[in-house]
Protein backbone atom coordinates (compact mmCIF):
# COMPACT_ATOMS: atom_id res chain seq x y z
CA MET A 1 327.51 112.11 377.01
CA ASP A 2 328.63 109.33 374.68
CA LEU A 3 332.47 109.71 374.17
CA ARG A 4 334.20 107.33 371.88
CA PRO A 5 338.02 107.57 371.54
CA GLU A 6 339.36 108.19 368.07
CA THR A 7 342.98 108.47 366.79
CA VAL A 8 344.21 112.05 366.81
CA ASN A 9 347.51 113.20 365.32
CA HIS A 10 349.38 115.31 367.80
CA THR A 11 352.87 115.77 369.27
CA GLY A 12 353.01 115.98 373.04
CA LEU A 13 349.35 117.09 373.23
CA SER A 14 346.93 114.44 374.42
CA GLY A 15 343.27 114.58 373.45
CA GLU A 16 340.28 112.66 372.16
CA SER A 17 338.08 112.66 369.10
CA PHE A 18 334.42 112.19 370.17
CA PHE A 19 330.64 112.43 369.55
CA ILE A 20 328.62 115.20 371.09
CA LEU A 21 324.85 115.02 371.46
CA LYS A 22 323.16 117.78 369.47
CA PHE A 23 321.36 120.45 371.48
CA PHE A 24 323.92 119.79 374.25
CA TRP A 25 326.39 122.36 375.45
CA ALA A 26 328.77 121.73 378.30
CA HIS A 27 332.30 120.48 378.98
CA VAL A 28 333.37 118.66 375.84
CA ILE A 29 337.04 117.61 376.05
CA ILE A 30 340.13 118.09 378.19
CA LEU A 31 343.47 118.67 376.46
CA HIS A 32 346.81 118.42 378.21
CA SER A 33 350.37 119.04 377.03
CA ASP A 34 353.34 117.12 378.41
CA VAL A 35 355.20 120.42 378.50
CA ASP A 36 352.58 121.87 380.85
CA LYS A 37 354.03 121.45 384.39
CA GLY A 38 351.12 123.24 385.98
CA ASP A 39 353.16 126.37 386.66
CA GLY A 40 351.07 128.60 384.40
CA LYS A 41 353.75 129.05 381.72
CA VAL A 42 351.68 127.22 379.07
CA LYS A 43 348.33 128.33 377.65
CA TYR A 44 346.04 126.56 375.21
CA VAL A 45 344.70 128.05 371.95
CA LEU A 46 341.74 126.74 369.85
CA SER A 47 341.11 127.34 366.13
CA GLY A 48 339.00 125.83 363.30
CA GLU A 49 335.27 125.51 362.57
CA GLY A 50 333.19 127.22 365.22
CA ALA A 51 336.20 128.20 367.37
CA THR A 52 335.24 131.09 369.63
CA SER A 53 331.67 131.24 368.18
CA ILE A 54 330.54 127.74 369.17
CA PHE A 55 333.48 126.20 370.98
CA THR A 56 335.77 127.87 373.56
CA ILE A 57 338.89 126.59 375.34
CA ASP A 58 340.07 127.32 378.84
CA GLU A 59 343.58 128.61 378.15
CA ASN A 60 344.78 127.46 381.58
CA THR A 61 343.39 123.94 381.73
CA GLY A 62 342.77 123.05 378.07
CA ASP A 63 339.10 122.24 378.69
CA ILE A 64 336.94 122.75 375.56
CA HIS A 65 333.29 123.74 375.95
CA ALA A 66 330.31 124.13 373.54
CA THR A 67 328.59 127.47 374.08
CA LYS A 68 325.51 127.05 371.78
CA ARG A 69 322.91 124.46 370.91
CA LEU A 70 324.08 122.13 368.17
CA ASP A 71 321.78 120.82 365.42
CA ARG A 72 322.98 117.80 363.49
CA GLU A 73 320.60 118.59 360.63
CA ALA A 74 322.35 121.99 360.27
CA GLN A 75 325.98 120.67 360.62
CA ALA A 76 327.00 117.16 361.53
CA TYR A 77 330.83 117.62 361.90
CA TYR A 78 333.24 120.25 363.21
CA THR A 79 337.03 120.13 362.69
CA LEU A 80 339.04 121.95 365.38
CA GLN A 81 342.75 122.52 365.98
CA ALA A 82 344.29 122.94 369.48
CA GLN A 83 347.81 124.06 370.37
CA ALA A 84 349.84 124.71 373.51
CA VAL A 85 351.88 127.96 373.40
CA ASP A 86 354.23 129.81 375.73
CA ARG A 87 352.20 132.30 377.72
CA LEU A 88 354.86 134.99 377.53
CA THR A 89 356.12 134.65 373.97
CA ASN A 90 353.02 133.02 372.35
CA LEU A 91 355.40 130.65 370.65
CA PRO A 92 354.21 127.05 370.18
CA VAL A 93 355.59 124.59 372.63
CA GLU A 94 354.03 121.67 370.68
CA PRO A 95 352.62 121.18 367.17
CA LYS A 96 348.88 121.69 366.52
CA SER A 97 346.57 118.79 367.18
CA GLU A 98 343.38 118.34 365.07
CA PHE A 99 340.08 117.19 366.59
CA VAL A 100 336.91 116.04 364.74
CA VAL A 101 333.65 116.69 366.65
CA LYS A 102 330.72 114.62 365.33
CA VAL A 103 327.22 115.73 366.45
CA GLN A 104 325.29 112.64 367.46
CA ASP A 105 321.61 112.50 366.31
CA ILE A 106 318.54 112.45 368.53
CA ASN A 107 314.91 112.00 367.37
CA ASP A 108 313.73 115.58 367.04
CA ASN A 109 312.14 115.61 363.55
CA GLU A 110 308.73 114.16 362.73
CA PRO A 111 308.15 112.44 359.39
CA LYS A 112 306.73 114.70 356.65
CA PHE A 113 304.77 113.91 353.49
CA LEU A 114 306.36 116.31 351.05
CA ASP A 115 303.98 115.38 348.20
CA GLY A 116 300.76 115.41 350.21
CA PRO A 117 297.86 115.76 350.24
CA TYR A 118 297.32 113.09 347.60
CA LEU A 119 294.67 112.61 344.95
CA ALA A 120 294.19 109.13 343.53
CA GLY A 121 291.69 107.10 341.57
CA VAL A 122 290.83 103.44 341.28
CA PRO A 123 288.19 101.76 339.11
CA GLU A 124 284.98 100.81 340.87
CA MET A 125 284.36 97.06 341.32
CA SER A 126 288.15 96.51 341.62
CA PRO A 127 289.29 93.23 343.25
CA LEU A 128 290.51 93.10 346.83
CA GLY A 129 294.12 94.33 347.14
CA THR A 130 294.15 96.53 344.03
CA MET A 131 296.91 99.14 344.36
CA VAL A 132 295.59 102.69 344.60
CA VAL A 133 298.65 104.90 345.24
CA GLN A 134 301.95 104.93 347.17
CA VAL A 135 302.67 107.60 349.74
CA ALA A 136 306.11 108.49 351.09
CA ALA A 137 307.25 110.40 354.16
CA THR A 138 310.76 111.70 354.86
CA ASP A 139 312.46 112.20 358.23
CA ALA A 140 315.30 114.70 358.63
CA ASP A 141 316.95 112.67 361.40
CA ASP A 142 320.07 110.54 360.76
CA PRO A 143 319.06 107.37 358.91
CA THR A 144 322.39 105.71 359.79
CA TYR A 145 322.02 106.09 363.50
CA GLY A 146 319.35 104.38 365.56
CA ASN A 147 315.66 104.32 364.53
CA SER A 148 315.04 108.06 364.43
CA ALA A 149 314.45 108.05 360.69
CA ARG A 150 312.92 104.59 360.29
CA VAL A 151 309.27 105.20 359.34
CA VAL A 152 306.25 102.88 359.31
CA TYR A 153 302.82 103.71 357.82
CA SER A 154 299.33 103.13 359.17
CA ILE A 155 295.81 104.16 358.18
CA ILE A 156 293.96 106.30 360.71
CA HIS A 157 290.80 106.99 358.71
CA GLY A 158 289.51 105.05 355.72
CA GLN A 159 288.96 101.56 357.03
CA PRO A 160 287.52 99.10 356.21
CA TYR A 161 287.63 100.24 352.60
CA PHE A 162 291.40 100.66 352.21
CA SER A 163 294.66 99.49 353.81
CA VAL A 164 298.29 100.66 353.71
CA GLU A 165 301.45 98.56 353.74
CA PRO A 166 303.47 99.58 356.83
CA LYS A 167 306.91 99.58 355.23
CA THR A 168 306.19 100.75 351.68
CA GLY A 169 303.26 103.14 352.05
CA VAL A 170 301.35 101.39 349.26
CA ILE A 171 297.60 101.90 349.65
CA ARG A 172 295.34 99.09 348.42
CA THR A 173 291.62 98.35 348.34
CA ALA A 174 290.51 96.39 351.39
CA LEU A 175 287.01 95.54 350.13
CA PRO A 176 286.07 94.04 346.76
CA ASN A 177 283.46 95.44 344.35
CA MET A 178 283.14 98.95 345.74
CA ASP A 179 280.35 100.60 343.73
CA ARG A 180 280.81 104.17 342.44
CA GLU A 181 277.05 104.57 342.05
CA THR A 182 276.69 103.95 345.80
CA ARG A 183 279.65 106.10 346.87
CA ASP A 184 282.21 107.64 344.59
CA GLN A 185 284.78 109.25 346.90
CA TYR A 186 286.71 108.41 350.08
CA VAL A 187 289.09 110.57 352.13
CA LEU A 188 291.83 108.59 353.89
CA VAL A 189 294.19 109.79 356.63
CA ILE A 190 297.59 108.10 356.53
CA GLN A 191 300.11 108.35 359.38
CA ALA A 192 303.88 107.96 359.18
CA LYS A 193 305.63 107.34 362.51
CA ASP A 194 309.39 107.11 363.15
CA MET A 195 311.20 104.93 365.69
CA VAL A 196 309.69 102.02 363.73
CA GLY A 197 306.32 102.97 365.16
CA GLN A 198 307.43 102.43 368.75
CA MET A 199 306.16 104.45 371.66
CA GLY A 200 307.82 107.84 371.87
CA GLY A 201 308.22 108.12 368.13
CA LEU A 202 307.18 111.25 366.27
CA SER A 203 304.49 111.14 363.58
CA GLY A 204 303.02 113.11 360.71
CA THR A 205 299.85 112.64 358.67
CA THR A 206 298.53 113.33 355.19
CA SER A 207 295.19 112.97 353.46
CA VAL A 208 294.55 110.82 350.41
CA THR A 209 291.37 111.49 348.42
CA VAL A 210 290.44 108.37 346.50
CA THR A 211 287.86 108.67 343.71
CA LEU A 212 286.23 105.56 342.30
CA THR A 213 286.32 105.88 338.53
CA ASP A 214 283.41 104.58 336.51
CA VAL A 215 283.19 101.28 334.69
CA ASN A 216 280.25 100.13 332.61
CA ASP A 217 278.56 97.95 335.21
CA ASN A 218 275.01 99.29 334.88
CA PRO A 219 272.69 98.50 331.96
CA PRO A 220 270.30 101.20 330.70
CA ARG A 221 266.76 101.21 332.04
CA PHE A 222 263.71 102.90 330.47
CA THR A 223 260.71 104.39 332.20
CA HIS A 224 257.32 104.21 330.50
CA SER A 225 256.87 106.93 327.92
CA LYS A 226 253.75 108.55 326.49
CA SER A 227 253.96 111.45 324.05
CA PRO A 228 250.95 113.53 322.93
CA LEU A 229 251.35 115.73 319.84
CA LEU A 230 249.18 117.85 317.57
CA GLU A 231 248.22 116.52 314.17
CA SER A 232 249.47 119.82 312.68
CA LEU A 233 253.06 119.08 313.68
CA PRO A 234 255.34 119.63 310.66
CA VAL A 235 257.41 116.79 309.18
CA GLN A 236 260.97 116.51 310.62
CA SER A 237 259.76 117.96 313.94
CA VAL A 238 260.76 116.39 317.26
CA VAL A 239 257.93 114.21 318.49
CA ALA A 240 259.41 113.21 321.83
CA ARG A 241 262.62 112.75 323.78
CA ILE A 242 263.06 109.54 325.72
CA LYS A 243 265.98 108.45 327.85
CA ALA A 244 267.15 105.17 329.28
CA ALA A 245 268.57 105.91 332.72
CA ASP A 246 272.14 104.68 333.21
CA ALA A 247 273.87 105.07 336.55
CA ASP A 248 277.25 105.10 334.80
CA ILE A 249 278.87 108.26 333.47
CA GLY A 250 280.90 109.41 330.50
CA SER A 251 281.48 106.94 327.68
CA ASN A 252 280.04 104.16 329.85
CA ALA A 253 276.62 105.83 329.61
CA GLU A 254 276.60 106.45 325.86
CA MET A 255 273.53 105.00 324.10
CA ASP A 256 272.34 103.89 320.71
CA TYR A 257 268.56 103.88 320.10
CA ARG A 258 266.49 102.11 317.46
CA ILE A 259 262.80 101.51 316.73
CA MET A 260 262.35 97.75 316.81
CA ASP A 261 258.72 97.42 315.77
CA GLY A 262 255.22 98.88 316.16
CA ASP A 263 252.57 100.42 313.96
CA GLY A 264 254.60 103.60 313.53
CA LEU A 265 257.34 102.15 311.33
CA GLY A 266 257.92 104.54 308.44
CA MET A 267 256.17 107.37 310.30
CA PHE A 268 258.95 107.99 312.82
CA ASN A 269 262.72 107.74 313.19
CA ILE A 270 264.93 107.91 316.29
CA THR A 271 268.46 109.27 316.76
CA THR A 272 270.74 109.85 319.76
CA ASP A 273 271.37 113.31 321.14
CA GLU A 274 275.09 113.06 321.87
CA ASP A 275 274.98 115.81 324.49
CA THR A 276 272.12 114.39 326.59
CA GLN A 277 272.16 110.73 325.47
CA GLU A 278 268.42 111.00 324.85
CA GLY A 279 266.60 109.22 322.07
CA VAL A 280 265.04 111.87 319.81
CA ILE A 281 261.95 110.66 317.92
CA ILE A 282 261.46 112.53 314.61
CA LEU A 283 258.27 112.74 312.51
CA LEU A 284 258.78 111.51 308.94
CA LYS A 285 255.26 111.81 307.48
CA PRO A 286 252.26 114.12 308.08
CA LEU A 287 249.77 113.18 310.79
CA ASP A 288 246.00 113.05 310.47
CA PHE A 289 243.96 112.64 313.62
CA GLU A 290 240.87 111.62 311.68
CA THR A 291 242.79 108.79 309.97
CA LYS A 292 244.86 107.51 312.92
CA SER A 293 244.85 109.01 316.40
CA SER A 294 247.64 106.99 318.05
CA PHE A 295 250.78 104.97 317.34
CA SER A 296 252.69 102.40 319.39
CA LEU A 297 256.46 102.01 319.06
CA ARG A 298 258.89 99.60 320.72
CA VAL A 299 262.25 101.29 321.20
CA GLU A 300 265.53 99.70 322.29
CA ALA A 301 268.47 101.47 323.95
CA THR A 302 271.87 99.76 323.99
CA ASN A 303 275.12 100.76 325.70
CA ARG A 304 277.60 101.77 323.04
CA ASN A 305 280.71 100.72 325.02
CA ILE A 306 280.31 97.39 326.80
CA ASP A 307 283.01 96.15 329.20
CA SER A 308 283.57 92.44 328.77
CA ASN A 309 284.55 92.14 332.44
CA PHE A 310 280.96 92.85 333.45
CA LEU A 311 278.94 90.93 330.88
CA SER A 312 277.42 88.92 333.71
CA LEU A 313 275.62 92.07 334.89
CA GLY A 314 273.91 92.54 331.50
CA PRO A 315 272.30 92.53 329.08
CA PHE A 316 273.36 96.12 328.53
CA SER A 317 270.20 97.11 326.70
CA ASP A 318 266.57 97.78 327.48
CA THR A 319 263.32 98.25 325.58
CA THR A 320 260.30 100.42 326.17
CA SER A 321 256.91 101.02 324.59
CA VAL A 322 256.30 104.57 323.40
CA LYS A 323 252.68 105.53 322.83
CA VAL A 324 252.33 108.51 320.51
CA THR A 325 248.90 110.13 320.86
CA VAL A 326 247.75 112.45 318.08
CA GLU A 327 245.64 115.34 319.29
CA ASP A 328 242.98 116.86 317.05
CA VAL A 329 243.48 120.30 315.55
CA ASN A 330 240.51 122.38 314.44
CA GLU A 331 240.80 122.20 310.68
CA PRO A 332 238.85 124.48 308.34
CA PRO A 333 235.80 123.17 306.45
CA ILE A 334 236.45 121.42 303.12
CA PHE A 335 234.29 122.06 300.05
CA SER A 336 233.08 119.03 298.13
CA ALA A 337 234.44 120.66 294.97
CA PRO A 338 237.08 123.41 294.76
CA LEU A 339 235.27 125.02 291.81
CA SER A 340 231.52 125.04 291.18
CA LYS A 341 230.27 126.09 287.74
CA MET A 342 226.70 127.37 287.51
CA VAL A 343 224.62 128.99 284.75
CA VAL A 344 221.65 131.32 284.94
CA SER A 345 219.50 133.12 282.36
CA GLU A 346 219.90 136.86 282.30
CA ASP A 347 216.14 137.21 282.55
CA ALA A 348 216.00 135.21 285.80
CA LYS A 349 213.84 136.79 288.43
CA VAL A 350 215.29 138.07 291.67
CA GLY A 351 215.53 135.20 294.15
CA THR A 352 216.00 132.50 291.50
CA SER A 353 218.13 129.62 292.81
CA ILE A 354 221.21 129.07 290.65
CA GLY A 355 223.02 126.23 292.43
CA LYS A 356 224.35 125.00 295.70
CA VAL A 357 227.78 124.75 297.34
CA SER A 358 228.54 122.15 300.00
CA ALA A 359 231.31 121.87 302.61
CA HIS A 360 231.89 119.67 305.60
CA ASP A 361 233.95 119.84 308.81
CA PRO A 362 236.76 117.24 308.63
CA ASP A 363 237.11 117.20 312.43
CA THR A 364 235.39 114.52 314.46
CA SER A 365 233.21 117.16 316.09
CA SER A 366 231.62 117.79 312.66
CA SER A 367 230.47 121.30 313.50
CA ALA A 368 227.67 122.99 311.57
CA ILE A 369 228.73 125.08 308.57
CA ARG A 370 227.62 128.62 307.73
CA TYR A 371 228.10 130.07 304.25
CA SER A 372 228.70 133.64 303.13
CA ILE A 373 229.86 135.50 300.00
CA ASP A 374 233.12 137.41 299.93
CA ARG A 375 231.63 140.76 298.96
CA ASN A 376 234.95 141.85 297.47
CA THR A 377 234.06 139.42 294.65
CA ASP A 378 230.44 140.66 294.37
CA LEU A 379 230.64 144.39 294.90
CA GLU A 380 227.29 145.06 293.21
CA ARG A 381 225.62 142.38 295.38
CA TYR A 382 224.03 140.50 292.47
CA PHE A 383 223.87 137.24 294.44
CA ASN A 384 222.97 135.86 297.88
CA VAL A 385 223.86 132.58 299.55
CA ASP A 386 221.72 130.88 302.15
CA ALA A 387 223.85 130.71 305.30
CA LEU A 388 222.66 127.24 306.28
CA SER A 389 221.95 125.41 302.99
CA GLY A 390 224.59 126.94 300.72
CA VAL A 391 222.01 127.66 297.97
CA ILE A 392 223.07 130.58 295.76
CA SER A 393 220.33 132.81 294.35
CA THR A 394 220.01 136.07 292.42
CA ALA A 395 219.62 139.27 294.39
CA LYS A 396 219.38 141.76 291.46
CA PRO A 397 218.41 141.58 287.77
CA LEU A 398 221.29 140.35 285.61
CA ASP A 399 222.57 141.75 282.32
CA ARG A 400 224.78 139.39 280.30
CA GLU A 401 225.93 142.22 278.01
CA ALA A 402 227.23 144.14 281.03
CA ASN A 403 228.87 141.13 282.75
CA SER A 404 228.68 137.66 281.32
CA VAL A 405 230.70 135.87 284.03
CA HIS A 406 230.59 136.40 287.79
CA ASN A 407 233.44 134.88 289.79
CA LEU A 408 232.25 134.53 293.40
CA THR A 409 234.23 133.40 296.44
CA ILE A 410 232.14 131.54 299.00
CA PHE A 411 233.21 131.30 302.62
CA ALA A 412 232.39 128.22 304.70
CA ILE A 413 232.77 128.83 308.42
CA GLU A 414 232.25 126.50 311.37
CA SER A 415 229.51 127.55 313.73
CA ARG A 416 230.72 127.73 317.30
CA ILE A 417 229.07 128.78 320.55
CA ALA A 418 231.10 131.27 322.58
CA LEU A 419 230.29 131.36 326.25
CA ILE A 420 231.56 134.55 327.85
CA THR A 421 231.53 134.81 331.60
CA VAL A 422 231.87 138.23 333.20
CA LEU A 423 234.04 137.98 336.28
CA ASP A 424 232.77 139.69 339.38
CA ILE A 425 234.48 142.56 341.18
CA ASN A 426 233.39 144.03 344.48
CA ASP A 427 231.30 146.98 343.25
CA ASN A 428 228.13 146.65 345.35
CA ALA A 429 227.76 147.55 349.01
CA PRO A 430 225.73 145.24 351.29
CA VAL A 431 222.21 146.36 352.37
CA PHE A 432 219.43 145.09 354.61
CA ALA A 433 218.02 141.81 353.32
CA ILE A 434 214.41 143.14 353.78
CA ASP A 435 212.61 146.24 355.03
CA TYR A 436 212.38 145.49 358.71
CA GLU A 437 209.32 146.43 360.85
CA THR A 438 210.70 146.33 364.37
CA ILE A 439 208.34 146.33 367.38
CA LEU A 440 209.54 147.33 370.86
CA CYS A 441 207.16 146.48 373.68
CA GLU A 442 206.86 148.97 376.47
CA ASN A 443 207.41 146.15 378.94
CA ALA A 444 210.67 145.02 377.25
CA MET A 445 213.49 144.16 379.65
CA PRO A 446 217.14 145.31 379.38
CA GLY A 447 219.23 142.98 377.16
CA GLN A 448 216.20 141.72 375.24
CA VAL A 449 216.69 140.92 371.51
CA ILE A 450 214.08 142.94 369.63
CA GLN A 451 215.29 142.26 366.04
CA THR A 452 217.72 140.00 364.13
CA ILE A 453 218.95 141.54 360.89
CA SER A 454 220.83 140.14 357.89
CA ALA A 455 222.26 141.58 354.67
CA VAL A 456 222.45 140.86 350.95
CA ASP A 457 225.06 141.85 348.36
CA LYS A 458 224.68 141.64 344.57
CA ASP A 459 228.32 140.60 344.22
CA GLU A 460 229.30 136.93 344.21
CA PRO A 461 232.78 136.50 345.75
CA LEU A 462 234.46 133.12 345.20
CA SER A 463 234.86 132.56 348.91
CA GLY A 464 231.29 133.59 349.74
CA HIS A 465 229.97 136.59 351.62
CA ARG A 466 231.14 137.75 355.04
CA PHE A 467 229.36 140.77 356.49
CA TYR A 468 230.28 142.88 359.52
CA PHE A 469 227.63 144.85 361.48
CA ALA A 470 227.90 147.81 363.85
CA LEU A 471 225.88 150.82 364.95
CA ALA A 472 226.89 153.92 363.01
CA ALA A 473 229.28 156.25 364.83
CA PRO A 474 226.76 158.95 365.82
CA VAL A 475 224.68 156.51 367.89
CA ALA A 476 227.33 153.97 368.87
CA GLY A 477 227.20 155.08 372.50
CA ASN A 478 223.47 155.64 372.89
CA LEU A 479 221.72 154.58 376.12
CA ASN A 480 218.77 152.77 374.52
CA PHE A 481 220.04 150.10 372.15
CA THR A 482 223.12 148.04 371.30
CA LEU A 483 224.10 145.74 368.40
CA ARG A 484 225.71 142.28 368.60
CA ASP A 485 227.44 140.87 365.49
CA ASN A 486 226.61 137.13 365.47
CA LYS A 487 229.58 136.29 363.16
CA ASP A 488 227.24 134.37 360.83
CA ASN A 489 226.22 137.27 358.55
CA THR A 490 223.48 138.28 361.00
CA ALA A 491 223.31 140.73 363.88
CA SER A 492 220.97 141.18 366.85
CA ILE A 493 219.52 144.46 368.13
CA LEU A 494 219.16 144.48 371.95
CA THR A 495 217.72 146.91 374.46
CA LYS A 496 220.07 148.54 376.92
CA ARG A 497 217.32 149.51 379.35
CA GLY A 498 213.62 149.05 380.13
CA GLY A 499 210.79 151.49 380.68
CA PHE A 500 210.13 152.62 377.12
CA ARG A 501 206.92 154.74 376.79
CA ARG A 502 204.98 155.56 373.64
CA GLN A 503 203.95 158.95 374.91
CA GLU A 504 207.62 159.85 375.51
CA GLN A 505 208.92 158.66 372.12
CA PRO A 506 206.88 156.44 369.82
CA VAL A 507 209.63 155.75 367.19
CA TYR A 508 213.40 155.27 367.31
CA ARG A 509 215.60 155.22 364.22
CA LEU A 510 218.86 153.25 364.40
CA PRO A 511 221.54 153.77 361.69
CA VAL A 512 223.26 150.38 361.13
CA LEU A 513 226.65 150.14 359.34
CA ILE A 514 227.17 147.00 357.19
CA VAL A 515 230.62 146.23 355.70
CA ASP A 516 231.51 143.41 353.28
CA SER A 517 234.79 141.48 353.02
CA GLY A 518 235.69 142.48 349.47
CA SER A 519 238.87 144.19 348.35
CA PRO A 520 238.45 147.04 348.72
CA ALA A 521 235.68 146.63 351.28
CA LEU A 522 232.40 148.46 350.64
CA SER A 523 229.84 149.59 353.24
CA SER A 524 226.45 151.19 353.56
CA THR A 525 224.40 152.70 356.39
CA ASN A 526 220.84 151.37 356.70
CA THR A 527 218.18 152.83 359.01
CA LEU A 528 216.21 150.48 361.24
CA SER A 529 212.90 151.96 362.52
CA VAL A 530 211.83 150.77 365.98
CA ARG A 531 208.19 151.44 366.99
CA VAL A 532 207.25 151.45 370.66
CA CYS A 533 204.05 149.47 371.24
CA ASP A 534 201.69 148.42 374.00
CA CYS A 535 201.95 144.63 374.20
CA ASN A 536 200.17 141.89 376.08
CA ALA A 537 201.93 139.43 378.40
CA ASP A 538 202.91 137.26 375.42
CA GLY A 539 204.65 140.16 373.70
CA VAL A 540 201.96 140.63 371.04
CA ALA A 541 201.59 144.29 370.05
CA LEU A 542 198.13 145.73 370.79
CA SER A 543 198.67 149.32 369.74
CA CYS A 544 201.68 151.37 368.61
CA GLY A 545 202.55 155.02 368.12
CA ALA A 546 201.64 158.23 370.03
CA VAL A 547 198.71 158.47 372.51
CA ALA A 548 196.38 161.53 372.77
CA TYR A 549 194.55 162.28 376.03
CA THR A 550 191.23 164.23 376.30
CA ALA A 551 190.50 166.22 379.47
CA THR A 552 187.65 164.79 381.48
CA GLY A 553 184.74 166.79 383.10
CA LEU A 554 184.42 169.39 380.27
CA SER A 555 181.24 169.70 378.29
CA THR A 556 181.08 170.19 374.58
CA GLY A 557 180.21 173.82 375.12
CA ALA A 558 183.29 174.37 377.26
CA LEU A 559 185.55 172.89 374.59
CA LEU A 560 183.98 175.13 371.96
CA ALA A 561 184.52 178.14 374.23
CA ILE A 562 188.20 177.25 374.60
CA LEU A 563 188.57 176.88 370.84
CA GLY A 564 186.91 180.26 370.34
CA CYS A 565 189.33 181.88 372.77
CA ILE A 566 192.27 180.46 370.90
CA ILE A 567 190.96 181.82 367.61
CA THR A 568 190.37 185.23 369.22
CA LEU A 569 193.89 185.24 370.61
CA LEU A 570 195.41 184.37 367.27
CA GLY A 571 193.37 187.14 365.64
CA LYS A 572 194.37 189.81 368.14
CA ILE A 573 197.90 188.49 368.71
CA HIS A 574 197.17 188.86 372.38
CA VAL A 575 199.48 186.88 374.66
CA ILE A 576 197.94 185.13 377.59
CA SER A 577 199.05 182.26 379.78
CA VAL A 578 198.68 179.01 377.90
CA SER A 579 198.22 177.23 381.17
CA GLU A 580 195.15 179.35 381.91
CA VAL A 581 193.53 178.66 378.54
CA LEU A 582 194.25 174.98 378.60
CA LYS A 583 193.56 174.49 382.28
CA GLY A 584 192.24 170.99 382.72
CA VAL A 585 193.46 169.90 379.20
CA THR A 586 196.48 167.66 378.64
CA CYS A 587 198.42 168.07 375.35
CA PHE A 588 200.99 165.76 373.81
CA CYS A 589 203.79 165.97 371.30
CA THR A 590 205.54 163.32 369.29
CA ALA A 591 209.19 163.07 368.40
CA SER A 592 211.51 160.66 366.64
CA GLY A 593 215.19 159.98 367.41
CA LEU A 594 217.34 158.57 370.18
């Protein structure tokens, strides 16, 4: 505890005026009266600021104590009065003595930036050391005592672009010619540390957002421009919008445009769109593709506001060539004369040629012309016009007294070919490509391919056909045949077993399901007939179908007798054993199916 004696006015009561460290509570001061002989007749009384609440006195010894934490920033001084009184009568034995308690500061407050965070701007391309902004931190500690409130500044984040002066907090550019078009914003972190920045000092930080403001350091630059337009475009219409790119912003990017030269002078004008800074080319005269199909202009764009500090980066203008291409519009045919006057005798025969009209197509395509009469102007159909030649002739006898003048309107129309393509939809199911004749040899082995099938479909999908094959559901699990989809729009029919016999079943019929890949998919069931045949060793069919056997050892007479018996039986409806009648005769039956 740092005690420094100070003069105190008192009579007979000795004491000290002193400093007390804030946040410290303990024995503070000892008071003693000359009247106090140590026999307990004198007691000590304390009054003033904080008496009893902060400071207490031992009435027997005169010792003064602090009972609470002291904060210099809340109260730096306390004025107390002490007095010795008679214990029995409470009468003073000495006058009051006044004591001043000064709370000594310690470093318990960090610096604070009361105005942070900061926003600042500096022009791009500024020289090294250009001032950006000044920051300031305050410290609540005692500035008159020690270094607790002595602050120094440093930059934690933002180097090498900016620096800060340690004592003043002035932030300056640390690099020259920083370009806004490369990077336009920086966020700095500035630290303020007390104790003159020494170890153990407290610190606080703030952010400083620095924006580089624009200067006119970039000249405008065009890209090549080509503008097609229809020859029917009305006068005063916008032909094209062109723009010279400028990396600057605001007034530094404002442009003035002008047409310098070219073969379009007088046909076009250019103005500046103040909102977009585009050059707007306007049509001044009508266009005619057949007369001139293209124009070339040389256009210049110039910065409106040029900064003399950056003239060395110029010139602050640019030129470009604008090619205006006129596209043809299908214009109607033009008659050689707007009015054709013709005369004809009223006794002219039907079919007499009166005159001829002529029109041509002004377009470069020069399409053929077809002529016709507006029948609203020839309701009685007195005249005809040849569609190809334009020759007008009489179609009915004329009567001048009934109508001496006929005012006809002739149409001239371009002949055009219209090619109409009907787009396909999936409306046809796939079917067998041909009618298949499938042979199955009796000596065929299990797993043998007996037929390869394919399909056709009248539709023409853009992605081509894709067919899927399978045996129809009723025979999918049969024991005789199976189907293998080859994934190439074909399928193979294979045997599942061997030992096929004509006399057992001469023909098999396989229902095959074929599905296309359309949306929605369509399908059909096609029947494949398989005939069982006797084949040679090379698999060549020798004979196919059912086989009939004739009993051997019977004469012709015996066979006739048997036939007669059968007829007799049918006539009498008499039932006998078939085996007896046909003893020695083998019969056969044929069947189809699986």
